[in-house]
Protein backbone atom coordinates (compact mmCIF):
# COMPACT_ATOMS: atom_id res chain seq x y z
CA MET A 1 -3.27 -14.99 8.90
CA GLU A 2 -0.11 -12.79 10.50
CA GLN A 3 3.25 -12.62 10.06
CA GLU A 4 6.20 -10.58 11.39
CA PHE A 5 9.24 -9.59 9.47
CA ILE A 6 12.69 -8.03 9.86
CA LEU A 7 14.46 -6.05 7.72
CA ARG A 8 17.65 -5.00 7.92
CA ASN A 9 18.50 -2.98 4.50
CA GLU A 10 16.89 -1.80 1.28
CA GLU A 11 17.86 -5.09 -0.14
CA GLU A 12 16.04 -7.03 2.38
CA SER A 13 13.07 -4.44 2.04
CA ARG A 14 13.15 -4.62 -1.49
CA GLN A 15 12.67 -8.45 -1.89
CA PHE A 16 9.90 -8.33 1.00
CA ALA A 17 8.08 -5.95 -1.62
CA ILE A 18 8.53 -8.10 -4.59
CA SER A 19 7.83 -11.20 -2.70
CA LEU A 20 4.62 -9.71 -2.10
CA ALA A 21 4.02 -8.72 -5.59
CA LYS A 22 4.42 -11.99 -7.43
CA ARG A 23 0.66 -12.99 -5.29
CA ALA A 24 -0.84 -9.82 -6.42
CA LYS A 25 -3.84 -10.03 -7.71
CA LYS A 26 -7.21 -7.56 -9.06
CA GLY A 27 -9.06 -6.90 -6.44
CA ASP A 28 -6.13 -7.07 -3.50
CA ILE A 29 -6.11 -4.12 -1.34
CA TYR A 30 -3.13 -3.35 1.51
CA PHE A 31 -3.34 -1.11 3.76
CA LEU A 32 -0.37 0.67 4.76
CA TYR A 33 0.87 1.26 8.51
CA GLY A 34 3.61 3.43 10.03
CA GLU A 35 4.73 6.52 10.81
CA LEU A 36 6.64 9.10 8.17
CA GLY A 37 9.60 7.14 6.53
CA ALA A 38 9.03 3.83 7.66
CA GLY A 39 9.33 2.67 4.39
CA LYS A 40 6.04 2.32 2.81
CA THR A 41 6.50 4.14 -0.37
CA PHE A 42 9.72 2.26 -0.73
CA PHE A 43 7.55 -0.64 -0.57
CA VAL A 44 5.09 0.58 -3.05
CA THR A 45 7.27 1.23 -5.29
CA ASN A 46 9.39 -1.98 -5.32
CA PHE A 47 5.80 -4.05 -5.56
CA CYS A 48 4.56 -1.66 -8.34
CA GLN A 49 7.72 -2.40 -10.64
CA GLU A 50 7.74 -6.02 -10.10
CA LEU A 51 3.77 -6.00 -11.11
CA GLY A 52 5.57 -3.93 -14.54
CA VAL A 53 4.82 -0.52 -13.93
CA THR A 54 7.28 1.64 -15.81
CA ASP A 55 6.41 4.75 -14.46
CA TYR A 56 8.19 7.01 -11.50
CA VAL A 57 6.23 6.09 -8.26
CA SER A 58 6.06 8.73 -5.40
CA SER A 59 4.04 9.23 -2.77
CA PRO A 60 0.39 10.57 -3.29
CA SER A 61 0.46 13.43 -0.02
CA TYR A 62 -0.45 15.80 -2.58
CA VAL A 63 -2.53 14.85 -4.52
CA LEU A 64 -3.92 12.04 -2.76
CA LEU A 65 -4.55 9.41 -5.51
CA ASN A 66 -1.63 8.17 -7.85
CA GLU A 67 -2.36 5.53 -10.73
CA TYR A 68 -0.15 3.39 -12.44
CA ASP A 69 -0.67 1.05 -15.45
CA ALA A 70 0.96 -2.48 -14.30
CA HIS A 71 1.12 -5.12 -17.23
CA GLU A 72 -2.52 -6.87 -16.15
CA PHE A 73 -3.92 -4.45 -13.93
CA THR A 74 -4.37 -0.22 -12.63
CA VAL A 75 -2.38 0.36 -9.41
CA PHE A 76 -4.02 2.57 -7.23
CA HIS A 77 -1.79 4.50 -4.89
CA LEU A 78 -3.73 7.05 -1.90
CA ASP A 79 -2.27 8.53 0.81
CA LEU A 80 -4.68 9.72 2.91
CA TYR A 81 -2.81 11.20 5.41
CA ARG A 82 -3.80 14.94 5.18
CA LEU A 83 -7.95 13.83 4.68
CA GLY A 84 -10.01 14.93 7.47
CA HIS A 85 -13.27 13.22 7.38
CA ALA A 86 -14.63 9.96 5.57
CA GLU A 87 -16.56 12.04 3.64
CA GLU A 88 -13.65 13.16 1.31
CA LEU A 89 -12.87 9.36 0.47
CA LEU A 90 -16.38 8.75 -1.22
CA GLU A 91 -15.51 12.31 -3.21
CA LEU A 92 -12.03 10.95 -4.59
CA GLY A 93 -14.27 7.47 -5.32
CA ILE A 94 -12.65 5.39 -3.37
CA THR A 95 -15.48 2.75 -3.73
CA ASP A 96 -15.32 2.90 -7.37
CA PHE A 97 -12.22 1.17 -7.92
CA THR A 98 -11.33 -0.82 -4.94
CA ASP A 99 -12.67 -3.54 -7.75
CA GLU A 100 -11.13 -2.16 -10.09
CA GLY A 101 -7.08 -2.89 -9.84
CA LEU A 102 -4.97 -3.37 -7.09
CA VAL A 103 -5.28 -0.63 -3.90
CA PHE A 104 -2.63 1.08 -2.13
CA ILE A 105 -3.72 3.15 1.17
CA GLU A 106 -0.86 4.79 2.67
CA TRP A 107 -2.64 5.82 6.75
CA PRO A 108 -5.43 3.93 5.98
CA GLN A 109 -7.50 4.49 9.21
CA ILE A 110 -9.64 7.06 7.74
CA ALA A 111 -10.88 4.20 5.33
CA GLU A 112 -11.09 1.58 7.91
CA GLU A 113 -15.26 1.75 8.00
CA LEU A 114 -15.71 2.24 4.40
CA ILE A 115 -13.66 -0.52 2.86
CA THR A 116 -14.89 -3.67 4.49
CA GLN A 117 -13.13 -5.93 1.58
CA GLU A 118 -10.87 -8.24 2.78
CA ARG A 119 -7.61 -6.45 2.80
CA ILE A 120 -4.07 -7.05 3.59
CA GLU A 121 -2.57 -4.92 6.19
CA ILE A 122 1.08 -4.35 6.61
CA TYR A 123 2.54 -2.45 9.76
CA PHE A 124 5.56 -0.74 9.47
CA GLU A 125 8.04 0.49 12.32
CA ILE A 126 11.29 1.69 12.54
CA ILE A 127 13.54 0.02 14.89
CA ASP A 128 17.10 1.40 15.14
CA ASP A 129 18.88 1.17 12.16
CA HIS A 130 15.94 -1.66 10.36
CA ARG A 131 12.14 -2.41 9.63
CA LYS A 132 10.33 -4.60 11.68
CA VAL A 133 7.24 -5.55 9.40
CA ARG A 134 3.62 -7.32 10.58
CA LEU A 135 1.75 -8.66 8.09
CA ILE A 136 -1.97 -9.42 8.89
CA ASP A 137 -3.51 -10.90 5.42
CA ARG A 138 -7.64 -10.80 5.91
CA ARG A 139 -8.75 -12.39 3.28
């Protein structure tokens, strides 16, 4: 299933994240595509807040992986921008936690061949002063 959304402001972006979080379940994997500043981390932050995460949600750009406790499961938030090889993902143990909680992967291109499970792909695009978001549900 593929859907497209135009998000005109932060509140619409927040509501988009909340609406998806309400349907989230353990084992969900989200691949988040988009240039720097397109709204990927903003999306994850609002999604996590809806799941009950009380910790500060930040981009894992430098640490590669952040973990957050939600009410029902753990949220794993990865940023693969700085990785050069798929083998580095295996060193992170990515295949160990894709079934243990909910997983967000920013810059997932390097993981596409390793993580073949059903997933949700979200493409963020900056257009003038708003965002165009394309959601492809491959579950």
